[in-house]
Amino acid sequence: MSGLSPNTGRAISELDDDYIRRSVADILTTPVGSRVMRRDYGSYIPELVDQPLNDQTKLKLYGATAMALMRWLRRARLKSVRLDTDGASSRLQLELVRTDLPRPRRIAQSLPLSII
């Protein structure tokens, strides 16, 4: 299976880092229930982004991240997730560290979260 690069439009392999990075971003930013033929695809992160930023919401974000990736991206193992906030501009960013299979190596990824 292959996909298209959003930047170049060229085909990329499913083992390519860009393909997996794009898959992670797609899974985590797609609200559950928004896909017509796959209602359970996505994560609950979009519902949590505009919640009060406290420890409970952070824990829910971490859980939603882990559950979505375990369910929809089995070739990547989440090692850690951290929420970074920029107080001045109110930007949220998830910092993920994952191990991709079948070539086990650690990869860090930043995912900006926007309020919808």
PDB file of N, CA and C in Angstrom:
ATOM      1  N   MET A   1       0.846  -1.172   0.000  1.00  0.00           N
ATOM      2  CA  MET A   1       0.000   0.000   0.000  1.00  0.00           C
ATOM      3  C   MET A   1       0.890   1.233   0.000  1.00  0.00           C
ATOM      4  N   SER A   2       0.472   2.254  -0.690  1.00  0.00           N
ATOM      5  CA  SER A   2       1.231   3.494  -0.706  1.00  0.00           C
ATOM      6  C   SER A   2       0.270   4.667  -0.640  1.00  0.00           C
ATOM      7  N   GLY A   3       0.823   5.834  -0.457  1.00  0.00           N
ATOM      8  CA  GLY A   3       0.017   7.041  -0.390  1.00  0.00           C
ATOM      9  C   GLY A   3       0.705   8.144  -1.160  1.00  0.00           C
ATOM     10  N   LEU A   4       0.159   9.341  -1.042  1.00  0.00           N
ATOM     11  CA  LEU A   4       0.726  10.495  -1.718  1.00  0.00           C
ATOM     12  C   LEU A   4       1.251  11.483  -0.698  1.00  0.00           C
ATOM     13  N   SER A   5       2.376  12.073  -1.018  1.00  0.00           N
ATOM     14  CA  SER A   5       2.944  13.104  -0.163  1.00  0.00           C
ATOM     15  C   SER A   5       2.095  14.364  -0.281  1.00  0.00           C
ATOM     16  N   PRO A   6       1.687  14.975   0.841  1.00  0.00           N
ATOM     17  CA  PRO A   6       0.886  16.194   0.754  1.00  0.00           C
ATOM     18  C   PRO A   6       1.697  17.390   0.254  1.00  0.00           C
ATOM     19  N   ASN A   7       3.018  17.296   0.330  1.00  0.00           N
ATOM     20  CA  ASN A   7       3.861  18.405  -0.099  1.00  0.00           C
ATOM     21  C   ASN A   7       4.252  18.328  -1.568  1.00  0.00           C
ATOM     22  N   THR A   8       4.615  17.119  -2.028  1.00  0.00           N
ATOM     23  CA  THR A   8       5.105  16.979  -3.395  1.00  0.00           C
ATOM     24  C   THR A   8       4.118  16.330  -4.336  1.00  0.00           C
ATOM     25  N   GLY A   9       3.162  15.568  -3.811  1.00  0.00           N
ATOM     26  CA  GLY A   9       2.210  14.854  -4.655  1.00  0.00           C
ATOM     27  C   GLY A   9       2.764  13.554  -5.196  1.00  0.00           C
ATOM     28  N   ARG A  10       3.969  13.205  -4.823  1.00  0.00           N
ATOM     29  CA  ARG A  10       4.589  11.961  -5.276  1.00  0.00           C
ATOM     30  C   ARG A  10       4.177  10.807  -4.374  1.00  0.00           C
ATOM     31  N   ALA A  11       4.257   9.600  -4.930  1.00  0.00           N
ATOM     32  CA  ALA A  11       3.918   8.400  -4.174  1.00  0.00           C
ATOM     33  C   ALA A  11       4.959   8.158  -3.085  1.00  0.00           C
ATOM     34  N   ILE A  12       4.484   7.715  -1.922  1.00  0.00           N
ATOM     35  CA  ILE A  12       5.384   7.352  -0.837  1.00  0.00           C
ATOM     36  C   ILE A  12       4.974   5.975  -0.318  1.00  0.00           C
ATOM     37  N   SER A  13       5.952   5.204   0.095  1.00  0.00           N
ATOM     38  CA  SER A  13       5.728   3.852   0.588  1.00  0.00           C
ATOM     39  C   SER A  13       5.172   3.902   2.003  1.00  0.00           C
ATOM     40  N   GLU A  14       4.435   2.856   2.382  1.00  0.00           N
ATOM     41  CA  GLU A  14       3.890   2.819   3.737  1.00  0.00           C
ATOM     42  C   GLU A  14       4.974   2.589   4.785  1.00  0.00           C
ATOM     43  N   LEU A  15       6.169   2.223   4.379  1.00  0.00           N
ATOM     44  CA  LEU A  15       7.281   2.073   5.315  1.00  0.00           C
ATOM     45  C   LEU A  15       8.082   3.353   5.457  1.00  0.00           C
ATOM     46  N   ASP A  16       7.766   4.350   4.655  1.00  0.00           N
ATOM     47  CA  ASP A  16       8.469   5.632   4.700  1.00  0.00           C
ATOM     48  C   ASP A  16       8.041   6.402   5.943  1.00  0.00           C
ATOM     49  N   ASP A  17       8.991   7.137   6.535  1.00  0.00           N
ATOM     50  CA  ASP A  17       8.698   7.924   7.733  1.00  0.00           C
ATOM     51  C   ASP A  17       7.601   8.957   7.482  1.00  0.00           C
ATOM     52  N   ASP A  18       7.599   9.572   6.308  1.00  0.00           N
ATOM     53  CA  ASP A  18       6.590  10.586   5.999  1.00  0.00           C
ATOM     54  C   ASP A  18       5.190   9.987   5.944  1.00  0.00           C
ATOM     55  N   TYR A  19       5.072   8.768   5.437  1.00  0.00           N
ATOM     56  CA  TYR A  19       3.770   8.106   5.363  1.00  0.00           C
ATOM     57  C   TYR A  19       3.220   7.853   6.763  1.00  0.00           C
ATOM     58  N   ILE A  20       4.067   7.346   7.646  1.00  0.00           N
ATOM     59  CA  ILE A  20       3.619   7.052   9.010  1.00  0.00           C
ATOM     60  C   ILE A  20       3.327   8.342   9.761  1.00  0.00           C
ATOM     61  N   ARG A  21       4.169   9.362   9.563  1.00  0.00           N
ATOM     62  CA  ARG A  21       3.939  10.667  10.201  1.00  0.00           C
ATOM     63  C   ARG A  21       2.597  11.253   9.762  1.00  0.00           C
ATOM     64  N   ARG A  22       2.314  11.147   8.477  1.00  0.00           N
ATOM     65  CA  ARG A  22       1.044  11.644   7.944  1.00  0.00           C
ATOM     66  C   ARG A  22      -0.134  10.839   8.483  1.00  0.00           C
ATOM     67  N   SER A  23       0.045   9.519   8.612  1.00  0.00           N
ATOM     68  CA  SER A  23      -1.018   8.668   9.160  1.00  0.00           C
ATOM     69  C   SER A  23      -1.314   9.029  10.611  1.00  0.00           C
ATOM     70  N   VAL A  24      -0.257   9.266  11.396  1.00  0.00           N
ATOM     71  CA  VAL A  24      -0.443   9.661  12.800  1.00  0.00           C
ATOM     72  C   VAL A  24      -1.233  10.965  12.873  1.00  0.00           C
ATOM     73  N   ALA A  25      -0.835  11.943  12.076  1.00  0.00           N
ATOM     74  CA  ALA A  25      -1.529  13.240  12.092  1.00  0.00           C
ATOM     75  C   ALA A  25      -2.973  13.092  11.654  1.00  0.00           C
ATOM     76  N   ASP A  26      -3.234  12.271  10.641  1.00  0.00           N
ATOM     77  CA  ASP A  26      -4.600  12.074  10.161  1.00  0.00           C
ATOM     78  C   ASP A  26      -5.469  11.408  11.216  1.00  0.00           C
ATOM     79  N   ILE A  27      -4.946  10.381  11.851  1.00  0.00           N
ATOM     80  CA  ILE A  27      -5.712   9.673  12.881  1.00  0.00           C
ATOM     81  C   ILE A  27      -6.034  10.593  14.057  1.00  0.00           C
ATOM     82  N   LEU A  28      -5.044  11.329  14.530  1.00  0.00           N
ATOM     83  CA  LEU A  28      -5.237  12.124  15.738  1.00  0.00           C
ATOM     84  C   LEU A  28      -6.056  13.390  15.515  1.00  0.00           C
ATOM     85  N   THR A  29      -6.097  13.914  14.304  1.00  0.00           N
ATOM     86  CA  THR A  29      -6.852  15.145  14.053  1.00  0.00           C
ATOM     87  C   THR A  29      -8.222  14.899  13.441  1.00  0.00           C
ATOM     88  N   THR A  30      -8.564  13.652  13.147  1.00  0.00           N
ATOM     89  CA  THR A  30      -9.883  13.330  12.611  1.00  0.00           C
ATOM     90  C   THR A  30     -10.843  13.047  13.765  1.00  0.00           C
ATOM     91  N   PRO A  31     -11.929  13.805  13.881  1.00  0.00           N
ATOM     92  CA  PRO A  31     -12.893  13.527  14.957  1.00  0.00           C
ATOM     93  C   PRO A  31     -13.622  12.202  14.731  1.00  0.00           C
ATOM     94  N   VAL A  32     -13.808  11.443  15.791  1.00  0.00           N
ATOM     95  CA  VAL A  32     -14.579  10.202  15.701  1.00  0.00           C
ATOM     96  C   VAL A  32     -15.983  10.544  15.236  1.00  0.00           C
ATOM     97  N   GLY A  33     -16.487   9.800  14.258  1.00  0.00           N
ATOM     98  CA  GLY A  33     -17.833  10.023  13.743  1.00  0.00           C
ATOM     99  C   GLY A  33     -17.884  10.906  12.517  1.00  0.00           C
ATOM    100  N   SER A  34     -16.746  11.422  12.064  1.00  0.00           N
ATOM    101  CA  SER A  34     -16.761  12.340  10.926  1.00  0.00           C
ATOM    102  C   SER A  34     -16.564  11.644   9.581  1.00  0.00           C
ATOM    103  N   ARG A  35     -16.094  10.409   9.562  1.00  0.00           N
ATOM    104  CA  ARG A  35     -15.921   9.667   8.313  1.00  0.00           C
ATOM    105  C   ARG A  35     -17.200   8.894   8.007  1.00  0.00           C
ATOM    106  N   VAL A  36     -17.689   9.016   6.804  1.00  0.00           N
ATOM    107  CA  VAL A  36     -18.984   8.424   6.456  1.00  0.00           C
ATOM    108  C   VAL A  36     -18.954   6.908   6.499  1.00  0.00           C
ATOM    109  N   MET A  37     -17.998   6.282   5.862  1.00  0.00           N
ATOM    110  CA  MET A  37     -17.967   4.823   5.799  1.00  0.00           C
ATOM    111  C   MET A  37     -17.204   4.182   6.966  1.00  0.00           C
ATOM    112  N   ARG A  38     -16.603   4.996   7.800  1.00  0.00           N
ATOM    113  CA  ARG A  38     -15.828   4.488   8.925  1.00  0.00           C
ATOM    114  C   ARG A  38     -16.058   5.402  10.122  1.00  0.00           C
ATOM    115  N   ARG A  39     -17.233   5.311  10.721  1.00  0.00           N
ATOM    116  CA  ARG A  39     -17.636   6.227  11.789  1.00  0.00           C
ATOM    117  C   ARG A  39     -16.744   6.163  13.021  1.00  0.00           C
ATOM    118  N   ASP A  40     -16.100   5.025  13.275  1.00  0.00           N
ATOM    119  CA  ASP A  40     -15.283   4.909  14.479  1.00  0.00           C
ATOM    120  C   ASP A  40     -13.821   5.277  14.250  1.00  0.00           C
ATOM    121  N   TYR A  41     -13.469   5.723  13.045  1.00  0.00           N
ATOM    122  CA  TYR A  41     -12.091   6.120  12.724  1.00  0.00           C
ATOM    123  C   TYR A  41     -11.777   7.483  13.346  1.00  0.00           C
ATOM    124  N   GLY A  42     -10.560   7.640  13.830  1.00  0.00           N
ATOM    125  CA  GLY A  42     -10.113   8.929  14.356  1.00  0.00           C
ATOM    126  C   GLY A  42      -9.850   8.865  15.846  1.00  0.00           C
ATOM    127  N   SER A  43      -9.892  10.034  16.467  1.00  0.00           N
ATOM    128  CA  SER A  43      -9.634  10.121  17.905  1.00  0.00           C
ATOM    129  C   SER A  43     -10.572  11.154  18.534  1.00  0.00           C
ATOM    130  N   TYR A  44     -10.546  11.188  19.844  1.00  0.00           N
ATOM    131  CA  TYR A  44     -11.361  12.152  20.586  1.00  0.00           C
ATOM    132  C   TYR A  44     -10.597  13.435  20.901  1.00  0.00           C
ATOM    133  N   ILE A  45      -9.409  13.583  20.364  1.00  0.00           N
ATOM    134  CA  ILE A  45      -8.613  14.783  20.616  1.00  0.00           C
ATOM    135  C   ILE A  45      -9.317  16.061  20.166  1.00  0.00           C
ATOM    136  N   PRO A  46      -9.935  16.100  18.972  1.00  0.00           N
ATOM    137  CA  PRO A  46     -10.613  17.349  18.577  1.00  0.00           C
ATOM    138  C   PRO A  46     -11.693  17.805  19.562  1.00  0.00           C
ATOM    139  N   GLU A  47     -12.317  16.873  20.268  1.00  0.00           N
ATOM    140  CA  GLU A  47     -13.325  17.237  21.263  1.00  0.00           C
ATOM    141  C   GLU A  47     -12.683  17.796  22.533  1.00  0.00           C
ATOM    142  N   LEU A  48     -11.443  17.447  22.784  1.00  0.00           N
ATOM    143  CA  LEU A  48     -10.776  17.844  24.023  1.00  0.00           C
ATOM    144  C   LEU A  48      -9.974  19.129  23.900  1.00  0.00           C
ATOM    145  N   VAL A  49      -9.715  19.578  22.687  1.00  0.00           N
ATOM    146  CA  VAL A  49      -8.819  20.712  22.482  1.00  0.00           C
ATOM    147  C   VAL A  49      -9.336  21.985  23.134  1.00  0.00           C
ATOM    148  N   ASP A  50     -10.643  22.225  23.089  1.00  0.00           N
ATOM    149  CA  ASP A  50     -11.163  23.480  23.654  1.00  0.00           C
ATOM    150  C   ASP A  50     -11.684  23.325  25.086  1.00  0.00           C
ATOM    151  N   GLN A  51     -11.328  22.228  25.746  1.00  0.00           N
ATOM    152  CA  GLN A  51     -11.684  22.031  27.151  1.00  0.00           C
ATOM    153  C   GLN A  51     -10.719  22.825  28.027  1.00  0.00           C
ATOM    154  N   PRO A  52     -11.085  23.076  29.281  1.00  0.00           N
ATOM    155  CA  PRO A  52     -10.158  23.775  30.185  1.00  0.00           C
ATOM    156  C   PRO A  52      -8.840  23.002  30.288  1.00  0.00           C
ATOM    157  N   LEU A  53      -7.746  23.711  30.222  1.00  0.00           N
ATOM    158  CA  LEU A  53      -6.434  23.068  30.225  1.00  0.00           C
ATOM    159  C   LEU A  53      -5.992  22.814  31.669  1.00  0.00           C
ATOM    160  N   ASN A  54      -6.393  21.654  32.172  1.00  0.00           N
ATOM    161  CA  ASN A  54      -6.006  21.253  33.518  1.00  0.00           C
ATOM    162  C   ASN A  54      -5.444  19.830  33.458  1.00  0.00           C
ATOM    163  N   ASP A  55      -5.079  19.276  34.590  1.00  0.00           N
ATOM    164  CA  ASP A  55      -4.463  17.952  34.613  1.00  0.00           C
ATOM    165  C   ASP A  55      -5.397  16.867  34.086  1.00  0.00           C
ATOM    166  N   GLN A  56      -6.685  16.998  34.367  1.00  0.00           N
ATOM    167  CA  GLN A  56      -7.653  16.008  33.910  1.00  0.00           C
ATOM    168  C   GLN A  56      -7.753  16.002  32.380  1.00  0.00           C
ATOM    169  N   THR A  57      -7.788  17.169  31.777  1.00  0.00           N
ATOM    170  CA  THR A  57      -7.869  17.260  30.319  1.00  0.00           C
ATOM    171  C   THR A  57      -6.586  16.742  29.681  1.00  0.00           C
ATOM    172  N   LYS A  58      -5.441  17.051  30.279  1.00  0.00           N
ATOM    173  CA  LYS A  58      -4.172  16.535  29.753  1.00  0.00           C
ATOM    174  C   LYS A  58      -4.158  15.012  29.778  1.00  0.00           C
ATOM    175  N   LEU A  59      -4.632  14.426  30.864  1.00  0.00           N
ATOM    176  CA  LEU A  59      -4.682  12.975  30.971  1.00  0.00           C
ATOM    177  C   LEU A  59      -5.611  12.383  29.908  1.00  0.00           C
ATOM    178  N   LYS A  60      -6.744  13.040  29.665  1.00  0.00           N
ATOM    179  CA  LYS A  60      -7.662  12.578  28.621  1.00  0.00           C
ATOM    180  C   LYS A  60      -7.021  12.674  27.235  1.00  0.00           C
ATOM    181  N   LEU A  61      -6.252  13.751  26.990  1.00  0.00           N
ATOM    182  CA  LEU A  61      -5.542  13.890  25.713  1.00  0.00           C
ATOM    183  C   LEU A  61      -4.530  12.767  25.519  1.00  0.00           C
ATOM    184  N   TYR A  62      -3.794  12.446  26.565  1.00  0.00           N
ATOM    185  CA  TYR A  62      -2.809  11.372  26.483  1.00  0.00           C
ATOM    186  C   TYR A  62      -3.498  10.030  26.218  1.00  0.00           C
ATOM    187  N   GLY A  63      -4.589   9.783  26.912  1.00  0.00           N
ATOM    188  CA  GLY A  63      -5.329   8.541  26.712  1.00  0.00           C
ATOM    189  C   GLY A  63      -5.935   8.441  25.325  1.00  0.00           C
ATOM    190  N   ALA A  64      -6.509   9.547  24.834  1.00  0.00           N
ATOM    191  CA  ALA A  64      -7.103   9.554  23.495  1.00  0.00           C
ATOM    192  C   ALA A  64      -6.030   9.315  22.430  1.00  0.00           C
ATOM    193  N   THR A  65      -4.845   9.862  22.651  1.00  0.00           N
ATOM    194  CA  THR A  65      -3.736   9.655  21.718  1.00  0.00           C
ATOM    195  C   THR A  65      -3.332   8.185  21.686  1.00  0.00           C
ATOM    196  N   ALA A  66      -3.114   7.614  22.852  1.00  0.00           N
ATOM    197  CA  ALA A  66      -2.680   6.217  22.929  1.00  0.00           C
ATOM    198  C   ALA A  66      -3.728   5.263  22.363  1.00  0.00           C
ATOM    199  N   MET A  67      -4.987   5.469  22.704  1.00  0.00           N
ATOM    200  CA  MET A  67      -6.036   4.563  22.236  1.00  0.00           C
ATOM    201  C   MET A  67      -6.209   4.620  20.719  1.00  0.00           C
ATOM    202  N   ALA A  68      -6.185   5.819  20.160  1.00  0.00           N
ATOM    203  CA  ALA A  68      -6.359   5.955  18.713  1.00  0.00           C
ATOM    204  C   ALA A  68      -5.204   5.311  17.949  1.00  0.00           C
ATOM    205  N   LEU A  69      -3.982   5.531  18.409  1.00  0.00           N
ATOM    206  CA  LEU A  69      -2.839   4.957  17.701  1.00  0.00           C
ATOM    207  C   LEU A  69      -2.778   3.440  17.870  1.00  0.00           C
ATOM    208  N   MET A  70      -3.147   2.930  19.035  1.00  0.00           N
ATOM    209  CA  MET A  70      -3.176   1.474  19.214  1.00  0.00           C
ATOM    210  C   MET A  70      -4.197   0.827  18.300  1.00  0.00           C
ATOM    211  N   ARG A  71      -5.308   1.503  18.107  1.00  0.00           N
ATOM    212  CA  ARG A  71      -6.370   0.917  17.294  1.00  0.00           C
ATOM    213  C   ARG A  71      -6.121   1.041  15.794  1.00  0.00           C
ATOM    214  N   TRP A  72      -5.657   2.206  15.344  1.00  0.00           N
ATOM    215  CA  TRP A  72      -5.610   2.475  13.915  1.00  0.00           C
ATOM    216  C   TRP A  72      -4.226   2.427  13.285  1.00  0.00           C
ATOM    217  N   LEU A  73      -3.180   2.370  14.061  1.00  0.00           N
ATOM    218  CA  LEU A  73      -1.834   2.331  13.496  1.00  0.00           C
ATOM    219  C   LEU A  73      -1.018   1.289  14.250  1.00  0.00           C
ATOM    220  N   ARG A  74      -1.218   0.056  13.874  1.00  0.00           N
ATOM    221  CA  ARG A  74      -0.596  -1.051  14.606  1.00  0.00           C
ATOM    222  C   ARG A  74       0.888  -1.194  14.329  1.00  0.00           C
ATOM    223  N   ARG A  75       1.374  -0.563  13.277  1.00  0.00           N
ATOM    224  CA  ARG A  75       2.804  -0.683  12.969  1.00  0.00           C
ATOM    225  C   ARG A  75       3.649   0.344  13.718  1.00  0.00           C
ATOM    226  N   ALA A  76       3.048   1.136  14.571  1.00  0.00           N
ATOM    227  CA  ALA A  76       3.783   2.111  15.383  1.00  0.00           C
ATOM    228  C   ALA A  76       3.421   1.895  16.855  1.00  0.00           C
ATOM    229  N   ARG A  77       4.418   1.940  17.691  1.00  0.00           N
ATOM    230  CA  ARG A  77       4.222   1.789  19.136  1.00  0.00           C
ATOM    231  C   ARG A  77       4.543   3.121  19.799  1.00  0.00           C
ATOM    232  N   LEU A  78       3.588   3.655  20.510  1.00  0.00           N
ATOM    233  CA  LEU A  78       3.761   4.926  21.201  1.00  0.00           C
ATOM    234  C   LEU A  78       4.601   4.710  22.455  1.00  0.00           C
ATOM    235  N   LYS A  79       5.684   5.461  22.561  1.00  0.00           N
ATOM    236  CA  LYS A  79       6.564   5.358  23.721  1.00  0.00           C
ATOM    237  C   LYS A  79       6.279   6.453  24.739  1.00  0.00           C
ATOM    238  N   SER A  80       6.034   7.670  24.259  1.00  0.00           N
ATOM    239  CA  SER A  80       5.701   8.763  25.182  1.00  0.00           C
ATOM    240  C   SER A  80       4.925   9.835  24.441  1.00  0.00           C
ATOM    241  N   VAL A  81       4.139  10.570  25.205  1.00  0.00           N
ATOM    242  CA  VAL A  81       3.378  11.695  24.663  1.00  0.00           C
ATOM    243  C   VAL A  81       3.410  12.803  25.713  1.00  0.00           C
ATOM    244  N   ARG A  82       3.588  14.026  25.240  1.00  0.00           N
ATOM    245  CA  ARG A  82       3.658  15.181  26.134  1.00  0.00           C
ATOM    246  C   ARG A  82       2.944  16.342  25.459  1.00  0.00           C
ATOM    247  N   LEU A  83       2.251  17.135  26.240  1.00  0.00           N
ATOM    248  CA  LEU A  83       1.539  18.299  25.722  1.00  0.00           C
ATOM    249  C   LEU A  83       2.343  19.550  26.036  1.00  0.00           C
ATOM    250  N   ASP A  84       2.709  20.284  24.982  1.00  0.00           N
ATOM    251  CA  ASP A  84       3.394  21.564  25.145  1.00  0.00           C
ATOM    252  C   ASP A  84       2.396  22.683  24.911  1.00  0.00           C
ATOM    253  N   THR A  85       2.457  23.701  25.747  1.00  0.00           N
ATOM    254  CA  THR A  85       1.581  24.857  25.586  1.00  0.00           C
ATOM    255  C   THR A  85       2.418  26.123  25.523  1.00  0.00           C
ATOM    256  N   ASP A  86       1.967  27.037  24.704  1.00  0.00           N
ATOM    257  CA  ASP A  86       2.592  28.350  24.604  1.00  0.00           C
ATOM    258  C   ASP A  86       1.589  29.332  25.193  1.00  0.00           C
ATOM    259  N   GLY A  87       1.832  29.776  26.398  1.00  0.00           N
ATOM    260  CA  GLY A  87       0.880  30.616  27.116  1.00  0.00           C
ATOM    261  C   GLY A  87       0.505  31.896  26.398  1.00  0.00           C
ATOM    262  N   ALA A  88       1.449  32.513  25.696  1.00  0.00           N
ATOM    263  CA  ALA A  88       1.181  33.788  25.038  1.00  0.00           C
ATOM    264  C   ALA A  88       0.217  33.644  23.868  1.00  0.00           C
ATOM    265  N   SER A  89       0.401  32.600  23.062  1.00  0.00           N
ATOM    266  CA  SER A  89      -0.440  32.464  21.869  1.00  0.00           C
ATOM    267  C   SER A  89      -1.499  31.381  22.008  1.00  0.00           C
ATOM    268  N   SER A  90      -1.529  30.675  23.123  1.00  0.00           N
ATOM    269  CA  SER A  90      -2.496  29.609  23.393  1.00  0.00           C
ATOM    270  C   SER A  90      -2.409  28.477  22.369  1.00  0.00           C
ATOM    271  N   ARG A  91      -1.204  28.206  21.884  1.00  0.00           N
ATOM    272  CA  ARG A  91      -1.019  27.093  20.957  1.00  0.00           C
ATOM    273  C   ARG A  91      -0.741  25.820  21.735  1.00  0.00           C
ATOM    274  N   LEU A  92      -1.316  24.725  21.266  1.00  0.00           N
ATOM    275  CA  LEU A  92      -1.087  23.418  21.859  1.00  0.00           C
ATOM    276  C   LEU A  92      -0.331  22.562  20.857  1.00  0.00           C
ATOM    277  N   GLN A  93       0.573  21.733  21.367  1.00  0.00           N
ATOM    278  CA  GLN A  93       1.333  20.858  20.496  1.00  0.00           C
ATOM    279  C   GLN A  93       1.595  19.557  21.232  1.00  0.00           C
ATOM    280  N   LEU A  94       1.302  18.439  20.574  1.00  0.00           N
ATOM    281  CA  LEU A  94       1.614  17.138  21.133  1.00  0.00           C
ATOM    282  C   LEU A  94       3.008  16.735  20.679  1.00  0.00           C
ATOM    283  N   GLU A  95       3.821  16.316  21.609  1.00  0.00           N
ATOM    284  CA  GLU A  95       5.158  15.797  21.307  1.00  0.00           C
ATOM    285  C   GLU A  95       5.097  14.286  21.499  1.00  0.00           C
ATOM    286  N   LEU A  96       5.253  13.544  20.415  1.00  0.00           N
ATOM    287  CA  LEU A  96       5.142  12.094  20.439  1.00  0.00           C
ATOM    288  C   LEU A  96       6.502  11.460  20.193  1.00  0.00           C
ATOM    289  N   VAL A  97       6.764  10.367  20.869  1.00  0.00           N
ATOM    290  CA  VAL A  97       7.907   9.517  20.565  1.00  0.00           C
ATOM    291  C   VAL A  97       7.336   8.131  20.335  1.00  0.00           C
ATOM    292  N   ARG A  98       7.679   7.553  19.198  1.00  0.00           N
ATOM    293  CA  ARG A  98       7.118   6.254  18.841  1.00  0.00           C
ATOM    294  C   ARG A  98       8.204   5.375  18.242  1.00  0.00           C
ATOM    295  N   THR A  99       7.954   4.075  18.220  1.00  0.00           N
ATOM    296  CA  THR A  99       8.819   3.113  17.561  1.00  0.00           C
ATOM    297  C   THR A  99       8.018   2.524  16.414  1.00  0.00           C
ATOM    298  N   ASP A 100       8.551   2.640  15.198  1.00  0.00           N
ATOM    299  CA  ASP A 100       7.868   2.130  14.015  1.00  0.00           C
ATOM    300  C   ASP A 100       8.346   0.723  13.697  1.00  0.00           C
ATOM    301  N   LEU A 101       7.420  -0.120  13.314  1.00  0.00           N
ATOM    302  CA  LEU A 101       7.737  -1.486  12.930  1.00  0.00           C
ATOM    303  C   LEU A 101       7.617  -1.611  11.414  1.00  0.00           C
ATOM    304  N   PRO A 102       8.240  -2.464  10.736  1.00  0.00           N
ATOM    305  CA  PRO A 102       9.066  -3.575  11.216  1.00  0.00           C
ATOM    306  C   PRO A 102      10.499  -3.181  11.513  1.00  0.00           C
ATOM    307  N   ARG A 103      10.891  -1.948  11.215  1.00  0.00           N
ATOM    308  CA  ARG A 103      12.251  -1.482  11.511  1.00  0.00           C
ATOM    309  C   ARG A 103      12.207  -0.739  12.845  1.00  0.00           C
ATOM    310  N   PRO A 104      12.452  -1.431  13.956  1.00  0.00           N
ATOM    311  CA  PRO A 104      12.293  -0.768  15.256  1.00  0.00           C
ATOM    312  C   PRO A 104      13.331   0.322  15.479  1.00  0.00           C
ATOM    313  N   ARG A 105      12.871   1.556  15.441  1.00  0.00           N
ATOM    314  CA  ARG A 105      13.723   2.695  15.765  1.00  0.00           C
ATOM    315  C   ARG A 105      12.837   3.803  16.300  1.00  0.00           C
ATOM    316  N   ARG A 106      13.402   4.618  17.154  1.00  0.00           N
ATOM    317  CA  ARG A 106      12.633   5.677  17.809  1.00  0.00           C
ATOM    318  C   ARG A 106      12.525   6.889  16.901  1.00  0.00           C
ATOM    319  N   ILE A 107      11.315   7.434  16.806  1.00  0.00           N
ATOM    320  CA  ILE A 107      11.062   8.611  15.983  1.00  0.00           C
ATOM    321  C   ILE A 107      10.252   9.602  16.807  1.00  0.00           C
ATOM    322  N   ALA A 108      10.685  10.854  16.810  1.00  0.00           N
ATOM    323  CA  ALA A 108       9.960  11.921  17.495  1.00  0.00           C
ATOM    324  C   ALA A 108       9.123  12.680  16.480  1.00  0.00           C
ATOM    325  N   GLN A 109       7.929  13.092  16.887  1.00  0.00           N
ATOM    326  CA  GLN A 109       7.023  13.824  16.014  1.00  0.00           C
ATOM    327  C   GLN A 109       6.297  14.878  16.827  1.00  0.00           C
ATOM    328  N   SER A 110       6.174  16.068  16.251  1.00  0.00           N
ATOM    329  CA  SER A 110       5.398  17.142  16.858  1.00  0.00           C
ATOM    330  C   SER A 110       4.113  17.318  16.063  1.00  0.00           C
ATOM    331  N   LEU A 111       2.999  17.453  16.755  1.00  0.00           N
ATOM    332  CA  LEU A 111       1.712  17.607  16.109  1.00  0.00           C
ATOM    333  C   LEU A 111       1.010  18.829  16.689  1.00  0.00           C
ATOM    334  N   PRO A 112       0.924  19.926  15.930  1.00  0.00           N
ATOM    335  CA  PRO A 112       0.202  21.094  16.440  1.00  0.00           C
ATOM    336  C   PRO A 112      -1.299  20.817  16.479  1.00  0.00           C
ATOM    337  N   LEU A 113      -1.933  21.242  17.546  1.00  0.00           N
ATOM    338  CA  LEU A 113      -3.378  21.075  17.702  1.00  0.00           C
ATOM    339  C   LEU A 113      -4.023  22.451  17.581  1.00  0.00           C
ATOM    340  N   SER A 114      -5.063  22.533  16.786  1.00  0.00           N
ATOM    341  CA  SER A 114      -5.742  23.812  16.625  1.00  0.00           C
ATOM    342  C   SER A 114      -7.169  23.688  17.125  1.00  0.00           C
ATOM    343  N   ILE A 115      -7.693  24.784  17.616  1.00  0.00           N
ATOM    344  CA  ILE A 115      -9.075  24.817  18.074  1.00  0.00           C
ATOM    345  C   ILE A 115      -9.974  24.942  16.852  1.00  0.00           C
ATOM    346  N   ILE A 116     -10.881  24.010  16.727  1.00  0.00           N
ATOM    347  CA  ILE A 116     -11.768  23.961  15.558  1.00  0.00           C
ATOM    348  C   ILE A 116     -12.927  24.902  15.737  1.00  0.00           C
TER     349      ILE A 116
END
